């Protein structure tokens, strides 16, 4: 089976052709970072208009460069939520139009399920069961994934997601947008002592987490030392914040695995590209004697290949989507 996959949940326009869960023929992602950087964050209307412009071009490119025709496709997979409603509507409407025009079925996919399915794109794939830390721009969730792909929510953030915290701290440190890569780059340039920022919800039972206190602690610490122009210590603040965030995320992953009784852990989502977090999860697995999987770097951020992989997971247990199915910006992953 060969699927055309489409992802437009936020600020990345992505298209892929994928076969048999893990065989990616082509995968294209058009980043909108340059459009949103002047605003310091994603502007929904700007994102939707960019999707409208780029989506038809990327589909044409995927077919042309792969040498495929619409008749070679068995179906279309598209993100239907969660995400920005305008951005989702562009992708879902386009997928429905192609479905009608080409005479092939379509299926709506949960964006978060796509991030989990990115582990199917690893070499070798990392199959369930496992407990996953799904950490992206808008989500920080600990999920128990069974062998039959049943997904159970174990805990997550009470406020900002980790990606949002990275963006806001990067703004405090005047490092620019997006914050995750900027903070990681600045942190790599520092090798001295670190500021002892508090670890979110350290010592509390369970795997819920909060970043509001850590974010405020960074702001107050910088102000207490005269602000950035006065102390010029941006790299130290970045490294200190990153260590606190990574340590907290990893500690809660250990708690989540213990809660679920699993000895297999996984890391997925856009923030999974952070090298310090990847190494911390690897060290946890080694320390506890656990197996671990991390999504490939090129599939950490929003992409269509993971949506296609999720469709291959979904189709054995559910049917193709009806035309009446709509985009859902608050689509839940777990019942």
C-alpha atoms as a PDB file:
ATOM      1  CA  UNK A   1       0.000   0.000   0.000  1.00  0.00           C
ATOM      2  CA  UNK A   2       1.224   3.498  -0.840  1.00  0.00           C
ATOM      3  CA  UNK A   3      -0.121   6.621   0.874  1.00  0.00           C
ATOM      4  CA  UNK A   4       0.149  10.337   0.235  1.00  0.00           C
ATOM      5  CA  UNK A   5       0.543  11.976   3.650  1.00  0.00           C
ATOM      6  CA  UNK A   6      -0.154  15.632   4.509  1.00  0.00           C
ATOM      7  CA  UNK A   7       0.697  17.609   7.661  1.00  0.00           C
ATOM      8  CA  UNK A   8      -0.460  21.211   8.242  1.00  0.00           C
ATOM      9  CA  UNK A   9      -1.253  21.388  11.948  1.00  0.00           C
ATOM     10  CA  UNK A  10       0.827  24.463  12.758  1.00  0.00           C
ATOM     11  CA  UNK A  11       3.679  26.208  10.939  1.00  0.00           C
ATOM     12  CA  UNK A  12       5.195  23.438   8.810  1.00  0.00           C
ATOM     13  CA  UNK A  13       3.736  22.479   5.436  1.00  0.00           C
ATOM     14  CA  UNK A  14       4.698  18.850   4.844  1.00  0.00           C
ATOM     15  CA  UNK A  15       4.015  16.149   2.262  1.00  0.00           C
ATOM     16  CA  UNK A  16       5.321  12.594   1.988  1.00  0.00           C
ATOM     17  CA  UNK A  17       4.827   9.374   0.059  1.00  0.00           C
ATOM     18  CA  UNK A  18       5.156   6.308   2.260  1.00  0.00           C
ATOM     19  CA  UNK A  19       4.765   2.554   1.851  1.00  0.00           C
ATOM     20  CA  UNK A  20       4.271  -0.214   4.388  1.00  0.00           C
ATOM     21  CA  UNK A  21       4.535   1.864   7.560  1.00  0.00           C
ATOM     22  CA  UNK A  22       8.261   2.650   7.431  1.00  0.00           C
ATOM     23  CA  UNK A  23       9.313   2.933   3.786  1.00  0.00           C
ATOM     24  CA  UNK A  24       9.442   6.651   3.011  1.00  0.00           C
ATOM     25  CA  UNK A  25       9.760   7.353  -0.709  1.00  0.00           C
ATOM     26  CA  UNK A  26       9.862  11.154  -0.450  1.00  0.00           C
ATOM     27  CA  UNK A  27       9.366  13.586   2.425  1.00  0.00           C
ATOM     28  CA  UNK A  28       9.260  17.370   2.101  1.00  0.00           C
ATOM     29  CA  UNK A  29       8.843  19.963   4.827  1.00  0.00           C
ATOM     30  CA  UNK A  30       8.507  23.662   4.074  1.00  0.00           C
ATOM     31  CA  UNK A  31       9.354  25.645   7.195  1.00  0.00           C
ATOM     32  CA  UNK A  32       7.576  28.890   7.957  1.00  0.00           C
ATOM     33  CA  UNK A  33      10.022  30.009  10.662  1.00  0.00           C
ATOM     34  CA  UNK A  34      11.170  32.993   8.601  1.00  0.00           C
ATOM     35  CA  UNK A  35       7.555  34.190   8.325  1.00  0.00           C
ATOM     36  CA  UNK A  36       6.849  34.031  12.066  1.00  0.00           C
ATOM     37  CA  UNK A  37      10.247  35.081  13.483  1.00  0.00           C
ATOM     38  CA  UNK A  38       9.474  38.836  13.327  1.00  0.00           C
ATOM     39  CA  UNK A  39       6.473  38.213  15.599  1.00  0.00           C
ATOM     40  CA  UNK A  40       8.291  35.969  18.079  1.00  0.00           C
ATOM     41  CA  UNK A  41       5.771  33.148  17.591  1.00  0.00           C
ATOM     42  CA  UNK A  42       3.313  31.559  15.189  1.00  0.00           C
ATOM     43  CA  UNK A  43       0.660  33.843  13.687  1.00  0.00           C
ATOM     44  CA  UNK A  44      -2.297  31.566  12.772  1.00  0.00           C
ATOM     45  CA  UNK A  45      -3.500  33.565   9.766  1.00  0.00           C
ATOM     46  CA  UNK A  46       0.002  33.763   8.310  1.00  0.00           C
ATOM     47  CA  UNK A  47       0.423  30.008   8.804  1.00  0.00           C
ATOM     48  CA  UNK A  48      -2.862  29.180   7.056  1.00  0.00           C
ATOM     49  CA  UNK A  49      -2.084  31.350   4.036  1.00  0.00           C
ATOM     50  CA  UNK A  50       1.372  29.797   3.688  1.00  0.00           C
ATOM     51  CA  UNK A  51      -0.169  26.301   3.772  1.00  0.00           C
ATOM     52  CA  UNK A  52      -2.564  27.279   1.001  1.00  0.00           C
ATOM     53  CA  UNK A  53       0.334  28.459  -1.113  1.00  0.00           C
ATOM     54  CA  UNK A  54       2.742  25.587  -0.514  1.00  0.00           C
ATOM     55  CA  UNK A  55       0.581  22.478  -0.194  1.00  0.00           C
ATOM     56  CA  UNK A  56      -0.354  22.092  -3.888  1.00  0.00           C
ATOM     57  CA  UNK A  57       3.264  22.744  -4.893  1.00  0.00           C
ATOM     58  CA  UNK A  58       4.646  20.113  -2.512  1.00  0.00           C
ATOM     59  CA  UNK A  59       2.140  17.474  -3.657  1.00  0.00           C
ATOM     60  CA  UNK A  60       3.091  18.110  -7.282  1.00  0.00           C
ATOM     61  CA  UNK A  61       6.777  17.935  -6.371  1.00  0.00           C
ATOM     62  CA  UNK A  62       6.324  14.651  -4.466  1.00  0.00           C
ATOM     63  CA  UNK A  63       4.600  12.992  -7.413  1.00  0.00           C
ATOM     64  CA  UNK A  64       7.028  14.394  -9.967  1.00  0.00           C
ATOM     65  CA  UNK A  65      10.253  13.548  -8.153  1.00  0.00           C
ATOM     66  CA  UNK A  66       9.060  10.076  -7.131  1.00  0.00           C
ATOM     67  CA  UNK A  67       7.817   9.296 -10.644  1.00  0.00           C
ATOM     68  CA  UNK A  68       4.375   8.422  -9.272  1.00  0.00           C
ATOM     69  CA  UNK A  69       0.904   9.160 -10.587  1.00  0.00           C
ATOM     70  CA  UNK A  70      -2.309   9.577  -8.569  1.00  0.00           C
ATOM     71  CA  UNK A  71      -3.304   6.124  -9.838  1.00  0.00           C
ATOM     72  CA  UNK A  72      -0.298   4.686  -7.946  1.00  0.00           C
ATOM     73  CA  UNK A  73      -1.763   5.831  -4.623  1.00  0.00           C
ATOM     74  CA  UNK A  74      -4.039   3.742  -2.409  1.00  0.00           C
ATOM     75  CA  UNK A  75      -5.124   6.539  -0.108  1.00  0.00           C
ATOM     76  CA  UNK A  76      -4.424   9.874   1.572  1.00  0.00           C
ATOM     77  CA  UNK A  77      -3.511  10.429   5.231  1.00  0.00           C
ATOM     78  CA  UNK A  78      -3.872  13.916   6.698  1.00  0.00           C
ATOM     79  CA  UNK A  79      -3.597  15.504  10.133  1.00  0.00           C
ATOM     80  CA  UNK A  80      -7.063  16.445  11.405  1.00  0.00           C
ATOM     81  CA  UNK A  81      -6.021  17.634  14.875  1.00  0.00           C
ATOM     82  CA  UNK A  82      -4.967  18.870  17.306  1.00  0.00           C
ATOM     83  CA  UNK A  83      -3.530  22.157  16.048  1.00  0.00           C
ATOM     84  CA  UNK A  84      -4.476  25.555  14.681  1.00  0.00           C
ATOM     85  CA  UNK A  85      -7.974  25.332  13.226  1.00  0.00           C
ATOM     86  CA  UNK A  86      -7.194  27.388  10.112  1.00  0.00           C
ATOM     87  CA  UNK A  87      -4.064  25.402   9.367  1.00  0.00           C
ATOM     88  CA  UNK A  88      -5.871  22.090   9.893  1.00  0.00           C
ATOM     89  CA  UNK A  89      -8.740  23.132   7.623  1.00  0.00           C
ATOM     90  CA  UNK A  90      -6.312  23.782   4.772  1.00  0.00           C
ATOM     91  CA  UNK A  91      -4.870  20.270   4.992  1.00  0.00           C
ATOM     92  CA  UNK A  92      -8.138  18.418   5.585  1.00  0.00           C
ATOM     93  CA  UNK A  93      -9.981  20.294   2.840  1.00  0.00           C
ATOM     94  CA  UNK A  94      -7.170  19.680   0.386  1.00  0.00           C
ATOM     95  CA  UNK A  95      -7.069  15.962   1.250  1.00  0.00           C
ATOM     96  CA  UNK A  96     -10.845  15.659   0.771  1.00  0.00           C
ATOM     97  CA  UNK A  97     -10.623  17.420  -2.598  1.00  0.00           C
ATOM     98  CA  UNK A  98      -7.870  15.080  -3.770  1.00  0.00           C
ATOM     99  CA  UNK A  99      -9.864  12.101  -2.494  1.00  0.00           C
ATOM    100  CA  UNK A 100     -12.863  13.124  -4.576  1.00  0.00           C
ATOM    101  CA  UNK A 101     -10.846  14.117  -7.620  1.00  0.00           C
ATOM    102  CA  UNK A 102      -8.610  11.070  -7.673  1.00  0.00           C
ATOM    103  CA  UNK A 103     -11.198   8.564  -6.503  1.00  0.00           C
ATOM    104  CA  UNK A 104      -9.187   7.236  -3.570  1.00  0.00           C
ATOM    105  CA  UNK A 105     -10.057   7.158   0.170  1.00  0.00           C
ATOM    106  CA  UNK A 106      -8.669   9.408   2.889  1.00  0.00           C
ATOM    107  CA  UNK A 107      -8.093   9.064   6.626  1.00  0.00           C
ATOM    108  CA  UNK A 108      -7.797  11.736   9.311  1.00  0.00           C
ATOM    109  CA  UNK A 109      -4.897  11.216  11.728  1.00  0.00           C
ATOM    110  CA  UNK A 110      -4.190  12.546  15.217  1.00  0.00           C
ATOM    111  CA  UNK A 111      -1.035  14.677  15.088  1.00  0.00           C
ATOM    112  CA  UNK A 112       0.188  13.303  18.427  1.00  0.00           C
ATOM    113  CA  UNK A 113      -0.247   9.728  17.216  1.00  0.00           C
ATOM    114  CA  UNK A 114       1.945  10.767  14.300  1.00  0.00           C
ATOM    115  CA  UNK A 115       4.740  11.733  16.682  1.00  0.00           C
ATOM    116  CA  UNK A 116       4.523   8.317  18.349  1.00  0.00           C
ATOM    117  CA  UNK A 117       4.587   6.626  14.942  1.00  0.00           C
ATOM    118  CA  UNK A 118       7.824   8.457  14.099  1.00  0.00           C
ATOM    119  CA  UNK A 119       9.496   5.617  16.002  1.00  0.00           C
ATOM    120  CA  UNK A 120       8.393   3.351  13.129  1.00  0.00           C
ATOM    121  CA  UNK A 121      10.673   5.406  10.891  1.00  0.00           C
ATOM    122  CA  UNK A 122      13.770   4.628  12.954  1.00  0.00           C
ATOM    123  CA  UNK A 123      16.307   2.047  11.787  1.00  0.00           C
ATOM    124  CA  UNK A 124      15.427  -0.372  13.236  1.00  0.00           C
ATOM    125  CA  UNK A 125      11.873   0.628  14.247  1.00  0.00           C
ATOM    126  CA  UNK A 126      11.152   0.824  17.972  1.00  0.00           C
ATOM    127  CA  UNK A 127       7.926  -1.081  18.495  1.00  0.00           C
ATOM    128  CA  UNK A 128       5.616  -0.940  21.534  1.00  0.00           C
ATOM    129  CA  UNK A 129       5.124  -1.631  24.354  1.00  0.00           C
ATOM    130  CA  UNK A 130       6.839   1.423  25.832  1.00  0.00           C
ATOM    131  CA  UNK A 131       6.270   4.582  27.831  1.00  0.00           C
ATOM    132  CA  UNK A 132       6.879   7.637  25.679  1.00  0.00           C
ATOM    133  CA  UNK A 133       7.735  11.214  26.497  1.00  0.00           C
ATOM    134  CA  UNK A 134       6.036  13.246  23.762  1.00  0.00           C
ATOM    135  CA  UNK A 135       7.569  16.688  23.980  1.00  0.00           C
ATOM    136  CA  UNK A 136       6.909  19.287  21.295  1.00  0.00           C
ATOM    137  CA  UNK A 137       6.025  22.947  20.888  1.00  0.00           C
ATOM    138  CA  UNK A 138       2.544  22.642  22.359  1.00  0.00           C
ATOM    139  CA  UNK A 139       2.602  19.280  24.144  1.00  0.00           C
ATOM    140  CA  UNK A 140       4.441  17.594  27.003  1.00  0.00           C
ATOM    141  CA  UNK A 141       2.813  14.255  27.723  1.00  0.00           C
ATOM    142  CA  UNK A 142       3.790  10.896  29.189  1.00  0.00           C
ATOM    143  CA  UNK A 143       2.007   8.065  27.372  1.00  0.00           C
ATOM    144  CA  UNK A 144       1.831   4.324  27.871  1.00  0.00           C
ATOM    145  CA  UNK A 145       1.659   2.579  24.481  1.00  0.00           C
ATOM    146  CA  UNK A 146       0.640  -1.095  24.431  1.00  0.00           C
ATOM    147  CA  UNK A 147       1.585  -3.722  21.868  1.00  0.00           C
ATOM    148  CA  UNK A 148      -1.812  -3.337  20.205  1.00  0.00           C
ATOM    149  CA  UNK A 149      -1.249   0.447  19.903  1.00  0.00           C
ATOM    150  CA  UNK A 150      -3.651   1.285  22.734  1.00  0.00           C
ATOM    151  CA  UNK A 151      -2.515   4.601  24.223  1.00  0.00           C
ATOM    152  CA  UNK A 152      -3.005   5.621  27.862  1.00  0.00           C
ATOM    153  CA  UNK A 153      -2.287   9.085  29.267  1.00  0.00           C
ATOM    154  CA  UNK A 154      -0.107   8.946  32.389  1.00  0.00           C
ATOM    155  CA  UNK A 155       0.577  12.624  33.023  1.00  0.00           C
ATOM    156  CA  UNK A 156       1.861  15.833  31.527  1.00  0.00           C
ATOM    157  CA  UNK A 157       2.250  19.566  31.838  1.00  0.00           C
ATOM    158  CA  UNK A 158      -0.059  21.734  33.938  1.00  0.00           C
ATOM    159  CA  UNK A 159       0.771  24.901  31.985  1.00  0.00           C
ATOM    160  CA  UNK A 160       3.380  25.634  29.312  1.00  0.00           C
ATOM    161  CA  UNK A 161       4.669  22.728  27.285  1.00  0.00           C
ATOM    162  CA  UNK A 162       8.441  22.295  27.264  1.00  0.00           C
ATOM    163  CA  UNK A 163       8.730  23.781  23.782  1.00  0.00           C
ATOM    164  CA  UNK A 164       6.768  26.856  24.861  1.00  0.00           C
ATOM    165  CA  UNK A 165       9.027  27.215  27.905  1.00  0.00           C
ATOM    166  CA  UNK A 166      12.114  27.088  25.689  1.00  0.00           C
ATOM    167  CA  UNK A 167      10.612  29.797  23.459  1.00  0.00           C
ATOM    168  CA  UNK A 168       9.723  32.061  26.394  1.00  0.00           C
ATOM    169  CA  UNK A 169      13.081  31.661  28.118  1.00  0.00           C
ATOM    170  CA  UNK A 170      14.841  32.337  24.804  1.00  0.00           C
ATOM    171  CA  UNK A 171      12.810  35.559  24.618  1.00  0.00           C
ATOM    172  CA  UNK A 172      13.912  36.511  28.140  1.00  0.00           C
ATOM    173  CA  UNK A 173      17.521  35.833  27.128  1.00  0.00           C
ATOM    174  CA  UNK A 174      17.063  37.728  23.837  1.00  0.00           C
ATOM    175  CA  UNK A 175      18.154  34.690  21.819  1.00  0.00           C
ATOM    176  CA  UNK A 176      15.423  34.906  19.187  1.00  0.00           C
ATOM    177  CA  UNK A 177      12.837  32.498  17.798  1.00  0.00           C
ATOM    178  CA  UNK A 178      12.469  29.524  17.737  1.00  0.00           C
ATOM    179  CA  UNK A 179      13.821  29.150  21.233  1.00  0.00           C
ATOM    180  CA  UNK A 180      14.761  25.468  21.396  1.00  0.00           C
ATOM    181  CA  UNK A 181      17.663  25.498  18.901  1.00  0.00           C
ATOM    182  CA  UNK A 182      18.783  28.930  20.121  1.00  0.00           C
ATOM    183  CA  UNK A 183      19.031  27.828  23.760  1.00  0.00           C
ATOM    184  CA  UNK A 184      20.777  24.578  22.843  1.00  0.00           C
ATOM    185  CA  UNK A 185      23.345  26.462  20.751  1.00  0.00           C
ATOM    186  CA  UNK A 186      24.008  28.980  23.507  1.00  0.00           C
ATOM    187  CA  UNK A 187      24.258  26.209  26.118  1.00  0.00           C
ATOM    188  CA  UNK A 188      26.911  24.384  24.078  1.00  0.00           C
ATOM    189  CA  UNK A 189      29.098  27.488  24.256  1.00  0.00           C
ATOM    190  CA  UNK A 190      29.251  27.375  28.070  1.00  0.00           C
ATOM    191  CA  UNK A 191      31.293  25.028  30.243  1.00  0.00           C
ATOM    192  CA  UNK A 192      31.408  26.672  33.697  1.00  0.00           C
ATOM    193  CA  UNK A 193      29.271  26.431  36.800  1.00  0.00           C
ATOM    194  CA  UNK A 194      25.493  26.518  36.452  1.00  0.00           C
ATOM    195  CA  UNK A 195      22.861  28.545  38.269  1.00  0.00           C
ATOM    196  CA  UNK A 196      20.834  26.251  40.597  1.00  0.00           C
ATOM    197  CA  UNK A 197      17.378  26.697  39.101  1.00  0.00           C
ATOM    198  CA  UNK A 198      14.544  24.719  40.756  1.00  0.00           C
ATOM    199  CA  UNK A 199      13.510  21.412  39.189  1.00  0.00           C
ATOM    200  CA  UNK A 200       9.788  21.488  38.324  1.00  0.00           C
ATOM    201  CA  UNK A 201       7.680  19.330  40.656  1.00  0.00           C
ATOM    202  CA  UNK A 202      10.761  17.522  41.963  1.00  0.00           C
ATOM    203  CA  UNK A 203       9.853  14.981  44.615  1.00  0.00           C
ATOM    204  CA  UNK A 204       6.141  14.922  43.812  1.00  0.00           C
ATOM    205  CA  UNK A 205       4.564  11.584  43.021  1.00  0.00           C
ATOM    206  CA  UNK A 206       3.444  10.843  39.485  1.00  0.00           C
ATOM    207  CA  UNK A 207       4.635  12.286  36.223  1.00  0.00           C
ATOM    208  CA  UNK A 208       2.810  15.611  36.008  1.00  0.00           C
ATOM    209  CA  UNK A 209       5.103  18.559  35.380  1.00  0.00           C
ATOM    210  CA  UNK A 210       4.995  22.370  35.311  1.00  0.00           C
ATOM    211  CA  UNK A 211       7.328  24.904  33.694  1.00  0.00           C
ATOM    212  CA  UNK A 212       5.800  28.187  34.912  1.00  0.00           C
ATOM    213  CA  UNK A 213       7.936  28.304  38.057  1.00  0.00           C
ATOM    214  CA  UNK A 214      11.166  27.526  36.208  1.00  0.00           C
ATOM    215  CA  UNK A 215      10.396  30.161  33.578  1.00  0.00           C
ATOM    216  CA  UNK A 216       9.759  32.764  36.299  1.00  0.00           C
ATOM    217  CA  UNK A 217      12.926  31.729  38.138  1.00  0.00           C
ATOM    218  CA  UNK A 218      14.984  32.481  35.027  1.00  0.00           C
ATOM    219  CA  UNK A 219      13.408  35.924  34.656  1.00  0.00           C
ATOM    220  CA  UNK A 220      13.945  36.817  38.334  1.00  0.00           C
ATOM    221  CA  UNK A 221      17.541  35.546  38.351  1.00  0.00           C
ATOM    222  CA  UNK A 222      18.460  37.550  35.271  1.00  0.00           C
ATOM    223  CA  UNK A 223      16.830  40.690  36.710  1.00  0.00           C
ATOM    224  CA  UNK A 224      18.551  40.171  40.081  1.00  0.00           C
ATOM    225  CA  UNK A 225      21.942  40.264  38.389  1.00  0.00           C
ATOM    226  CA  UNK A 226      21.208  43.469  36.549  1.00  0.00           C
ATOM    227  CA  UNK A 227      19.652  42.118  33.366  1.00  0.00           C
ATOM    228  CA  UNK A 228      21.386  40.789  30.277  1.00  0.00           C
ATOM    229  CA  UNK A 229      23.159  43.984  29.195  1.00  0.00           C
ATOM    230  CA  UNK A 230      24.689  44.241  32.666  1.00  0.00           C
ATOM    231  CA  UNK A 231      25.881  40.682  33.200  1.00  0.00           C
ATOM    232  CA  UNK A 232      26.346  39.473  29.612  1.00  0.00           C
ATOM    233  CA  UNK A 233      25.976  35.887  30.807  1.00  0.00           C
ATOM    234  CA  UNK A 234      23.484  34.558  28.281  1.00  0.00           C
ATOM    235  CA  UNK A 235      25.202  31.206  27.723  1.00  0.00           C
ATOM    236  CA  UNK A 236      25.270  30.436  31.454  1.00  0.00           C
ATOM    237  CA  UNK A 237      21.560  31.193  31.793  1.00  0.00           C
ATOM    238  CA  UNK A 238      20.768  29.076  28.724  1.00  0.00           C
ATOM    239  CA  UNK A 239      22.833  26.122  29.957  1.00  0.00           C
ATOM    240  CA  UNK A 240      21.377  26.375  33.451  1.00  0.00           C
ATOM    241  CA  UNK A 241      17.792  26.469  32.211  1.00  0.00           C
ATOM    242  CA  UNK A 242      18.358  23.630  29.743  1.00  0.00           C
ATOM    243  CA  UNK A 243      19.884  21.387  32.401  1.00  0.00           C
ATOM    244  CA  UNK A 244      16.975  22.026  34.778  1.00  0.00           C
ATOM    245  CA  UNK A 245      14.361  21.365  32.083  1.00  0.00           C
ATOM    246  CA  UNK A 246      16.076  18.226  30.767  1.00  0.00           C
ATOM    247  CA  UNK A 247      16.596  16.811  34.255  1.00  0.00           C
ATOM    248  CA  UNK A 248      12.943  17.406  35.143  1.00  0.00           C
ATOM    249  CA  UNK A 249      11.641  15.838  31.923  1.00  0.00           C
ATOM    250  CA  UNK A 250      13.850  12.766  32.372  1.00  0.00           C
ATOM    251  CA  UNK A 251      12.999  12.288  36.050  1.00  0.00           C
ATOM    252  CA  UNK A 252       9.289  12.315  35.199  1.00  0.00           C
ATOM    253  CA  UNK A 253       9.893   9.835  32.367  1.00  0.00           C
ATOM    254  CA  UNK A 254      11.416   7.473  34.904  1.00  0.00           C
ATOM    255  CA  UNK A 255       8.404   7.991  37.170  1.00  0.00           C
ATOM    256  CA  UNK A 256       6.020   7.336  34.263  1.00  0.00           C
ATOM    257  CA  UNK A 257       7.756   4.085  33.335  1.00  0.00           C
ATOM    258  CA  UNK A 258       7.654   2.935  36.948  1.00  0.00           C
ATOM    259  CA  UNK A 259       3.934   3.818  37.131  1.00  0.00           C
ATOM    260  CA  UNK A 260       3.177   1.732  34.052  1.00  0.00           C
ATOM    261  CA  UNK A 261       5.552  -1.100  34.962  1.00  0.00           C
ATOM    262  CA  UNK A 262       7.481  -0.752  31.702  1.00  0.00           C
ATOM    263  CA  UNK A 263      11.159  -1.354  31.007  1.00  0.00           C
ATOM    264  CA  UNK A 264      11.014   0.292  27.579  1.00  0.00           C
ATOM    265  CA  UNK A 265      11.028   4.071  27.149  1.00  0.00           C
ATOM    266  CA  UNK A 266      10.826   6.377  24.133  1.00  0.00           C
ATOM    267  CA  UNK A 267      11.330  10.023  23.230  1.00  0.00           C
ATOM    268  CA  UNK A 268       9.404  11.749  20.415  1.00  0.00           C
ATOM    269  CA  UNK A 269       8.382  15.238  19.284  1.00  0.00           C
ATOM    270  CA  UNK A 270      10.098  18.422  18.189  1.00  0.00           C
ATOM    271  CA  UNK A 271      11.992  18.941  21.466  1.00  0.00           C
ATOM    272  CA  UNK A 272      13.345  15.386  21.064  1.00  0.00           C
ATOM    273  CA  UNK A 273      15.870  16.980  18.685  1.00  0.00           C
ATOM    274  CA  UNK A 274      17.586  18.536  21.712  1.00  0.00           C
ATOM    275  CA  UNK A 275      20.906  16.743  22.124  1.00  0.00           C
ATOM    276  CA  UNK A 276      21.036  17.116  25.896  1.00  0.00           C
ATOM    277  CA  UNK A 277      17.569  15.570  26.265  1.00  0.00           C
ATOM    278  CA  UNK A 278      18.405  12.687  23.922  1.00  0.00           C
ATOM    279  CA  UNK A 279      21.549  11.941  25.910  1.00  0.00           C
ATOM    280  CA  UNK A 280      19.707  12.193  29.230  1.00  0.00           C
ATOM    281  CA  UNK A 281      17.077   9.650  28.114  1.00  0.00           C
ATOM    282  CA  UNK A 282      19.813   7.347  26.816  1.00  0.00           C
ATOM    283  CA  UNK A 283      21.629   7.608  30.169  1.00  0.00           C
ATOM    284  CA  UNK A 284      18.412   6.844  32.083  1.00  0.00           C
ATOM    285  CA  UNK A 285      17.846   3.727  29.993  1.00  0.00           C
ATOM    286  CA  UNK A 286      21.420   2.565  30.519  1.00  0.00           C
ATOM    287  CA  UNK A 287      21.235   3.235  34.261  1.00  0.00           C
ATOM    288  CA  UNK A 288      18.020   1.263  34.672  1.00  0.00           C
ATOM    289  CA  UNK A 289      18.836  -1.466  32.137  1.00  0.00           C
ATOM    290  CA  UNK A 290      15.901  -0.447  29.944  1.00  0.00           C
ATOM    291  CA  UNK A 291      15.452  -0.511  26.191  1.00  0.00           C
ATOM    292  CA  UNK A 292      14.944   2.921  24.659  1.00  0.00           C
ATOM    293  CA  UNK A 293      13.922   4.423  21.342  1.00  0.00           C
ATOM    294  CA  UNK A 294      14.332   7.965  20.037  1.00  0.00           C
ATOM    295  CA  UNK A 295      12.739   9.264  16.851  1.00  0.00           C
ATOM    296  CA  UNK A 296      15.212  10.053  14.044  1.00  0.00           C
ATOM    297  CA  UNK A 297      16.339  13.671  14.039  1.00  0.00           C
ATOM    298  CA  UNK A 298      14.788  14.405  10.645  1.00  0.00           C
ATOM    299  CA  UNK A 299      11.383  13.220  11.892  1.00  0.00           C
ATOM    300  CA  UNK A 300      11.377  14.969  15.300  1.00  0.00           C
ATOM    301  CA  UNK A 301       9.641  18.119  14.085  1.00  0.00           C
ATOM    302  CA  UNK A 302       6.283  18.197  12.347  1.00  0.00           C
ATOM    303  CA  UNK A 303       6.448  16.157   9.141  1.00  0.00           C
ATOM    304  CA  UNK A 304       4.134  14.165   6.895  1.00  0.00           C
ATOM    305  CA  UNK A 305       6.062  10.896   6.965  1.00  0.00           C
ATOM    306  CA  UNK A 306       5.055  10.334  10.585  1.00  0.00           C
ATOM    307  CA  UNK A 307       1.404  10.985   9.649  1.00  0.00           C
ATOM    308  CA  UNK A 308       1.662   8.285   6.992  1.00  0.00           C
ATOM    309  CA  UNK A 309       3.271   5.920   9.495  1.00  0.00           C
ATOM    310  CA  UNK A 310       0.415   6.578  11.940  1.00  0.00           C
ATOM    311  CA  UNK A 311      -2.095   5.832   9.184  1.00  0.00           C
ATOM    312  CA  UNK A 312      -0.540   2.401   8.696  1.00  0.00           C
ATOM    313  CA  UNK A 313      -0.983   1.858  12.433  1.00  0.00           C
ATOM    314  CA  UNK A 314      -4.599   3.051  12.319  1.00  0.00           C
ATOM    315  CA  UNK A 315      -5.954   1.323   9.213  1.00  0.00           C
ATOM    316  CA  UNK A 316      -5.884  -2.268  10.540  1.00  0.00           C
ATOM    317  CA  UNK A 317      -8.274  -1.267  13.349  1.00  0.00           C
ATOM    318  CA  UNK A 318     -10.423   1.443  11.772  1.00  0.00           C
ATOM    319  CA  UNK A 319     -11.883   2.326   8.392  1.00  0.00           C
ATOM    320  CA  UNK A 320     -11.181   5.154   6.007  1.00  0.00           C
ATOM    321  CA  UNK A 321     -12.720   8.485   7.016  1.00  0.00           C
ATOM    322  CA  UNK A 322     -16.083   9.715   5.730  1.00  0.00           C
ATOM    323  CA  UNK A 323     -16.344  13.083   3.995  1.00  0.00           C
ATOM    324  CA  UNK A 324     -18.361  14.359   6.960  1.00  0.00           C
ATOM    325  CA  UNK A 325     -15.361  14.082   9.305  1.00  0.00           C
ATOM    326  CA  UNK A 326     -14.021  17.539  10.146  1.00  0.00           C
ATOM    327  CA  UNK A 327     -10.797  19.028  11.450  1.00  0.00           C
ATOM    328  CA  UNK A 328     -10.688  19.180  15.267  1.00  0.00           C
ATOM    329  CA  UNK A 329      -8.217  21.622  16.876  1.00  0.00           C
ATOM    330  CA  UNK A 330      -8.714  19.980  20.295  1.00  0.00           C
ATOM    331  CA  UNK A 331      -8.625  16.379  19.140  1.00  0.00           C
ATOM    332  CA  UNK A 332      -7.752  14.094  22.057  1.00  0.00           C
ATOM    333  CA  UNK A 333      -5.265  11.261  21.811  1.00  0.00           C
ATOM    334  CA  UNK A 334      -6.594   9.236  24.740  1.00  0.00           C
ATOM    335  CA  UNK A 335     -10.280   8.475  25.488  1.00  0.00           C
END
